[in-house]
Amino acid sequence: SYFTGDGSTTAFTITAGHTVNSILVTENGVLQKPTTDYTVSGTTLTFTTAPSNTVQIGVRFLVV
């Protein structure tokens, strides 16, 4: 899944059934650190700091 940062949004909706340990999150291709840079609760991926405007956010779902 891909999202685009806007400089203020910190929460994004992802597929149910995942945790910080079952996804890989990138900002413009740079891998983010689970629990430090983002958390997951239910279907919500929440960044500690809002991704900057136009930053491409990539979410890869790992097989669990």
Protein backbone atom coordinates (compact mmCIF):
# COMPACT_ATOMS: atom_id res chain seq x y z
CA SER A 1 0.00 0.00 0.00
CA TYR A 2 1.12 3.55 -0.63
CA PHE A 3 0.13 6.84 0.94
CA THR A 4 1.37 10.41 0.53
CA GLY A 5 2.33 12.54 3.51
CA ASP A 6 0.82 16.00 3.93
CA GLY A 7 2.86 17.30 6.85
CA SER A 8 0.06 16.96 9.40
CA THR A 9 -1.63 13.53 9.11
CA THR A 10 -0.18 10.88 11.42
CA ALA A 11 -2.82 8.11 11.11
CA PHE A 12 -3.36 5.91 8.06
CA THR A 13 -5.71 2.94 7.55
CA ILE A 14 -4.11 -0.42 6.74
CA THR A 15 -5.33 -4.00 6.33
CA ALA A 16 -6.59 -5.67 9.51
CA GLY A 17 -4.58 -8.36 11.28
CA HIS A 18 -1.16 -6.73 11.29
CA THR A 19 1.19 -5.51 14.02
CA VAL A 20 4.39 -3.43 14.01
CA ASN A 21 6.22 -6.76 13.56
CA SER A 22 4.32 -7.87 10.46
CA ILE A 23 4.75 -4.77 8.27
CA LEU A 24 7.65 -2.79 6.83
CA VAL A 25 7.11 0.96 6.55
CA THR A 26 9.19 3.32 4.42
CA GLU A 27 9.23 7.07 3.87
CA ASN A 28 10.66 7.89 0.42
CA GLY A 29 12.32 4.47 0.48
CA VAL A 30 13.91 4.87 3.93
CA LEU A 31 12.92 2.08 6.31
CA GLN A 32 11.20 3.30 9.49
CA LYS A 33 11.78 1.74 12.93
CA PRO A 34 8.81 -0.08 14.52
CA THR A 35 7.50 1.45 17.79
CA THR A 36 10.01 4.32 17.52
CA ASP A 37 8.73 5.83 14.24
CA TYR A 38 5.28 4.20 14.08
CA THR A 39 2.79 2.00 15.90
CA VAL A 40 -0.09 -0.19 14.75
CA SER A 41 -3.42 -0.64 16.52
CA GLY A 42 -6.16 -2.56 14.73
CA THR A 43 -6.30 -1.09 11.22
CA THR A 44 -4.52 2.16 12.13
CA LEU A 45 -0.89 2.86 11.35
CA THR A 46 0.19 5.88 13.42
CA PHE A 47 3.43 7.79 12.90
CA THR A 48 5.20 9.43 15.85
CA THR A 49 5.84 12.46 13.63
CA ALA A 50 3.66 13.32 10.63
CA PRO A 51 5.43 12.48 7.34
CA SER A 52 6.39 15.65 5.46
CA ASN A 53 4.32 16.99 2.57
CA THR A 54 4.68 14.87 -0.62
CA VAL A 55 6.65 12.10 1.15
CA GLN A 56 5.73 8.70 -0.29
CA ILE A 57 4.82 6.25 2.46
CA GLY A 58 5.16 2.58 1.57
CA VAL A 59 3.67 -0.25 3.62
CA ARG A 60 4.67 -3.84 2.89
CA PHE A 61 2.72 -6.61 4.56
CA LEU A 62 4.75 -9.64 5.62
CA VAL A 63 3.34 -13.16 5.62
CA VAL A 64 2.47 -14.14 9.17
